[in-house]
């Protein structure tokens, strides 16, 4: 087994999750089973996402997530978010 370093690995997925968590941006999440969740990302780690929605909290395995995207307030906001995402 390899030794883990204390430096956090920044992936595109982690950047996305951190952004929607920190801004409390509502997201839509589709699981590989086809089930859809809408709500907020509360916290996440390498294996799980703590997700808050109208019925409470769910701990979702990251391997079970097929698609996740932010729920914009308007079409213009959606276009701007994706165009600016990923730029340093």
N, C-alpha and C. Protein backbone atom coordinates (compact mmCIF):
# COMPACT_ATOMS: atom_id res chain seq x y z
N UNK A 1 0.84 -1.18 0.00
CA UNK A 1 0.00 0.00 0.00
C UNK A 1 0.89 1.25 0.00
N UNK A 2 0.52 2.24 -0.76
CA UNK A 2 1.33 3.45 -0.84
C UNK A 2 1.03 4.38 0.33
N UNK A 3 2.01 5.15 0.70
CA UNK A 3 1.85 6.10 1.79
C UNK A 3 1.21 7.37 1.24
N UNK A 4 0.21 7.88 1.93
CA UNK A 4 -0.46 9.11 1.51
C UNK A 4 0.32 10.32 2.00
N UNK A 5 0.30 11.35 1.19
CA UNK A 5 0.95 12.59 1.61
C UNK A 5 -0.10 13.50 2.24
N UNK A 6 0.35 14.50 2.98
CA UNK A 6 -0.58 15.41 3.62
C UNK A 6 -1.12 16.44 2.63
N UNK A 7 -0.48 16.56 1.48
CA UNK A 7 -0.94 17.52 0.47
C UNK A 7 -2.22 17.00 -0.18
N UNK A 8 -3.23 17.84 -0.21
CA UNK A 8 -4.51 17.46 -0.82
C UNK A 8 -4.36 17.47 -2.34
N UNK A 9 -4.86 16.44 -2.96
CA UNK A 9 -4.84 16.36 -4.41
C UNK A 9 -6.04 17.14 -4.94
N UNK A 10 -5.78 18.13 -5.78
CA UNK A 10 -6.84 18.97 -6.33
C UNK A 10 -7.23 18.43 -7.71
N UNK A 11 -8.39 17.84 -7.78
CA UNK A 11 -8.91 17.36 -9.05
C UNK A 11 -10.02 18.29 -9.51
N UNK A 12 -10.42 18.16 -10.73
CA UNK A 12 -11.53 18.96 -11.24
C UNK A 12 -12.79 18.68 -10.43
N UNK A 13 -13.03 17.42 -10.11
CA UNK A 13 -14.21 17.06 -9.31
C UNK A 13 -14.15 17.71 -7.93
N UNK A 14 -12.97 17.70 -7.29
CA UNK A 14 -12.85 18.33 -5.97
C UNK A 14 -13.03 19.83 -6.05
N UNK A 15 -12.53 20.45 -7.10
CA UNK A 15 -12.73 21.90 -7.28
C UNK A 15 -14.21 22.22 -7.44
N UNK A 16 -14.91 21.41 -8.23
CA UNK A 16 -16.35 21.61 -8.43
C UNK A 16 -17.08 21.46 -7.10
N UNK A 17 -16.82 20.38 -6.37
CA UNK A 17 -17.50 20.14 -5.10
C UNK A 17 -17.20 21.24 -4.09
N UNK A 18 -15.96 21.68 -4.03
CA UNK A 18 -15.59 22.76 -3.11
C UNK A 18 -16.33 24.05 -3.47
N UNK A 19 -16.41 24.35 -4.75
CA UNK A 19 -17.08 25.58 -5.20
C UNK A 19 -18.57 25.56 -4.84
N UNK A 20 -19.27 24.47 -5.15
CA UNK A 20 -20.71 24.43 -4.86
C UNK A 20 -20.97 24.34 -3.36
N UNK A 21 -20.05 23.72 -2.62
CA UNK A 21 -20.20 23.67 -1.16
C UNK A 21 -20.03 25.06 -0.56
N UNK A 22 -18.96 25.76 -0.94
CA UNK A 22 -18.64 27.06 -0.35
C UNK A 22 -19.64 28.14 -0.73
N UNK A 23 -20.25 28.04 -1.90
CA UNK A 23 -21.21 29.06 -2.35
C UNK A 23 -22.66 28.65 -2.07
N UNK A 24 -22.85 27.45 -1.51
CA UNK A 24 -24.20 26.92 -1.25
C UNK A 24 -25.05 26.88 -2.52
N UNK A 25 -24.39 26.63 -3.63
CA UNK A 25 -25.06 26.54 -4.93
C UNK A 25 -25.86 25.24 -4.98
N UNK A 26 -27.16 25.30 -5.24
CA UNK A 26 -27.93 24.06 -5.37
C UNK A 26 -27.45 23.26 -6.59
N UNK A 27 -27.45 21.95 -6.46
CA UNK A 27 -27.01 21.08 -7.54
C UNK A 27 -28.02 19.98 -7.78
N UNK A 28 -27.96 19.43 -8.97
CA UNK A 28 -28.73 18.24 -9.32
C UNK A 28 -27.73 17.11 -9.49
N UNK A 29 -28.02 15.98 -8.86
CA UNK A 29 -27.13 14.84 -8.88
C UNK A 29 -27.91 13.62 -9.37
N UNK A 30 -27.40 12.97 -10.41
CA UNK A 30 -27.98 11.71 -10.88
C UNK A 30 -27.06 10.57 -10.47
N UNK A 31 -27.63 9.56 -9.85
CA UNK A 31 -26.87 8.39 -9.47
C UNK A 31 -26.84 7.41 -10.63
N UNK A 32 -25.92 6.45 -10.60
CA UNK A 32 -25.82 5.47 -11.67
C UNK A 32 -27.10 4.63 -11.76
N UNK A 33 -27.87 4.57 -10.69
CA UNK A 33 -29.15 3.85 -10.70
C UNK A 33 -30.23 4.63 -11.44
N UNK A 34 -29.97 5.91 -11.75
CA UNK A 34 -30.95 6.76 -12.42
C UNK A 34 -31.70 7.67 -11.47
N UNK A 35 -31.54 7.47 -10.17
CA UNK A 35 -32.22 8.28 -9.16
C UNK A 35 -31.63 9.68 -9.17
N UNK A 36 -32.50 10.70 -9.03
CA UNK A 36 -32.05 12.09 -9.02
C UNK A 36 -32.21 12.69 -7.64
N UNK A 37 -31.20 13.44 -7.21
CA UNK A 37 -31.25 14.20 -5.98
C UNK A 37 -31.02 15.66 -6.33
N UNK A 38 -31.74 16.56 -5.66
CA UNK A 38 -31.51 17.99 -5.82
C UNK A 38 -31.32 18.57 -4.43
N UNK A 39 -30.27 19.37 -4.28
CA UNK A 39 -29.99 19.97 -2.98
C UNK A 39 -28.63 20.60 -2.95
N UNK A 40 -27.98 20.53 -1.77
CA UNK A 40 -26.67 21.17 -1.57
C UNK A 40 -25.64 20.18 -1.09
N UNK A 41 -24.41 20.39 -1.51
CA UNK A 41 -23.28 19.62 -1.00
C UNK A 41 -22.87 20.24 0.33
N UNK A 42 -22.90 19.43 1.39
CA UNK A 42 -22.53 19.91 2.73
C UNK A 42 -21.04 19.68 2.97
N UNK A 43 -20.56 18.49 2.61
CA UNK A 43 -19.16 18.14 2.80
C UNK A 43 -18.82 16.99 1.87
N UNK A 44 -17.54 16.74 1.65
CA UNK A 44 -17.12 15.64 0.79
C UNK A 44 -15.72 15.20 1.17
N UNK A 45 -15.40 13.98 0.80
CA UNK A 45 -14.05 13.47 0.94
C UNK A 45 -13.74 12.60 -0.27
N UNK A 46 -12.71 11.79 -0.20
CA UNK A 46 -12.30 10.98 -1.35
C UNK A 46 -13.38 10.00 -1.81
N UNK A 47 -14.19 9.51 -0.88
CA UNK A 47 -15.13 8.45 -1.19
C UNK A 47 -16.59 8.82 -1.10
N UNK A 48 -16.93 9.89 -0.37
CA UNK A 48 -18.34 10.20 -0.13
C UNK A 48 -18.66 11.68 -0.30
N UNK A 49 -19.95 11.94 -0.47
CA UNK A 49 -20.48 13.31 -0.52
C UNK A 49 -21.66 13.37 0.44
N UNK A 50 -21.61 14.28 1.40
CA UNK A 50 -22.74 14.51 2.29
C UNK A 50 -23.64 15.53 1.61
N UNK A 51 -24.86 15.10 1.30
CA UNK A 51 -25.78 15.87 0.48
C UNK A 51 -27.02 16.24 1.29
N UNK A 52 -27.40 17.51 1.27
CA UNK A 52 -28.58 17.99 2.00
C UNK A 52 -29.69 18.28 1.00
N UNK A 53 -30.87 17.73 1.25
CA UNK A 53 -32.02 18.02 0.41
C UNK A 53 -33.25 18.13 1.28
N UNK A 54 -34.41 18.29 0.70
CA UNK A 54 -35.61 18.62 1.46
C UNK A 54 -35.95 17.61 2.56
N UNK A 55 -35.58 16.36 2.39
CA UNK A 55 -35.92 15.34 3.38
C UNK A 55 -34.81 15.09 4.39
N UNK A 56 -33.76 15.87 4.37
CA UNK A 56 -32.67 15.69 5.32
C UNK A 56 -31.33 15.55 4.63
N UNK A 57 -30.47 14.72 5.19
CA UNK A 57 -29.13 14.52 4.66
C UNK A 57 -28.96 13.08 4.18
N UNK A 58 -28.14 12.92 3.14
CA UNK A 58 -27.78 11.60 2.66
C UNK A 58 -26.28 11.56 2.43
N UNK A 59 -25.67 10.44 2.79
CA UNK A 59 -24.27 10.21 2.50
C UNK A 59 -24.20 9.37 1.23
N UNK A 60 -23.68 9.95 0.16
CA UNK A 60 -23.67 9.31 -1.15
C UNK A 60 -22.24 8.89 -1.48
N UNK A 61 -22.08 7.68 -1.91
CA UNK A 61 -20.77 7.21 -2.35
C UNK A 61 -20.44 7.91 -3.68
N UNK A 62 -19.24 8.44 -3.80
CA UNK A 62 -18.86 9.13 -5.04
C UNK A 62 -18.90 8.19 -6.23
N UNK A 63 -18.63 6.91 -6.00
CA UNK A 63 -18.67 5.94 -7.09
C UNK A 63 -20.09 5.71 -7.62
N UNK A 64 -21.11 6.14 -6.85
CA UNK A 64 -22.50 5.97 -7.25
C UNK A 64 -23.01 7.16 -8.06
N UNK A 65 -22.22 8.24 -8.16
CA UNK A 65 -22.65 9.45 -8.87
C UNK A 65 -22.30 9.34 -10.34
N UNK A 66 -23.32 9.50 -11.19
CA UNK A 66 -23.10 9.48 -12.63
C UNK A 66 -22.86 10.90 -13.14
N UNK A 67 -23.73 11.84 -12.75
CA UNK A 67 -23.66 13.22 -13.24
C UNK A 67 -24.06 14.16 -12.11
N UNK A 68 -23.38 15.32 -12.04
CA UNK A 68 -23.74 16.36 -11.09
C UNK A 68 -23.52 17.70 -11.76
N UNK A 69 -24.48 18.59 -11.61
CA UNK A 69 -24.33 19.92 -12.20
C UNK A 69 -25.05 20.95 -11.35
N UNK A 70 -24.59 22.22 -11.40
CA UNK A 70 -25.23 23.27 -10.61
C UNK A 70 -26.59 23.63 -11.20
N UNK A 71 -27.50 24.01 -10.32
CA UNK A 71 -28.81 24.47 -10.75
C UNK A 71 -28.79 26.00 -10.79
N UNK A 72 -28.71 26.57 -11.98
CA UNK A 72 -28.61 28.03 -12.11
C UNK A 72 -29.96 28.71 -11.88
N UNK A 73 -29.89 29.98 -11.53
CA UNK A 73 -31.10 30.77 -11.37
C UNK A 73 -31.63 31.25 -12.71
N UNK A 74 -30.73 31.35 -13.71
CA UNK A 74 -31.13 31.80 -15.04
C UNK A 74 -30.23 31.15 -16.08
N UNK A 75 -30.64 31.18 -17.34
CA UNK A 75 -29.84 30.63 -18.44
C UNK A 75 -28.51 31.37 -18.56
N UNK A 76 -28.54 32.69 -18.41
CA UNK A 76 -27.31 33.48 -18.52
C UNK A 76 -26.31 33.08 -17.44
N UNK A 77 -26.80 32.86 -16.22
CA UNK A 77 -25.92 32.46 -15.12
C UNK A 77 -25.32 31.09 -15.41
N UNK A 78 -26.09 30.20 -16.01
CA UNK A 78 -25.60 28.86 -16.34
C UNK A 78 -24.46 28.95 -17.35
N UNK A 79 -24.65 29.72 -18.41
CA UNK A 79 -23.62 29.86 -19.43
C UNK A 79 -22.36 30.48 -18.86
N UNK A 80 -22.50 31.50 -18.03
CA UNK A 80 -21.35 32.18 -17.45
C UNK A 80 -20.61 31.25 -16.51
N UNK A 81 -21.31 30.49 -15.71
CA UNK A 81 -20.66 29.58 -14.75
C UNK A 81 -19.77 28.59 -15.46
N UNK A 82 -20.28 27.95 -16.52
CA UNK A 82 -19.49 26.94 -17.22
C UNK A 82 -18.34 27.55 -18.01
N UNK A 83 -18.52 28.74 -18.54
CA UNK A 83 -17.44 29.37 -19.30
C UNK A 83 -16.29 29.75 -18.39
N UNK A 84 -16.59 30.19 -17.18
CA UNK A 84 -15.54 30.64 -16.25
C UNK A 84 -14.99 29.51 -15.40
N UNK A 85 -15.66 28.38 -15.36
CA UNK A 85 -15.19 27.29 -14.49
C UNK A 85 -13.92 26.68 -15.05
N UNK A 86 -13.00 26.40 -14.21
CA UNK A 86 -11.76 25.79 -14.63
C UNK A 86 -10.66 26.78 -14.93
N UNK A 87 -11.00 28.04 -15.00
CA UNK A 87 -9.96 29.06 -15.21
C UNK A 87 -9.37 29.44 -13.86
N UNK A 88 -8.07 29.56 -13.80
CA UNK A 88 -7.43 29.91 -12.51
C UNK A 88 -7.78 31.30 -12.05
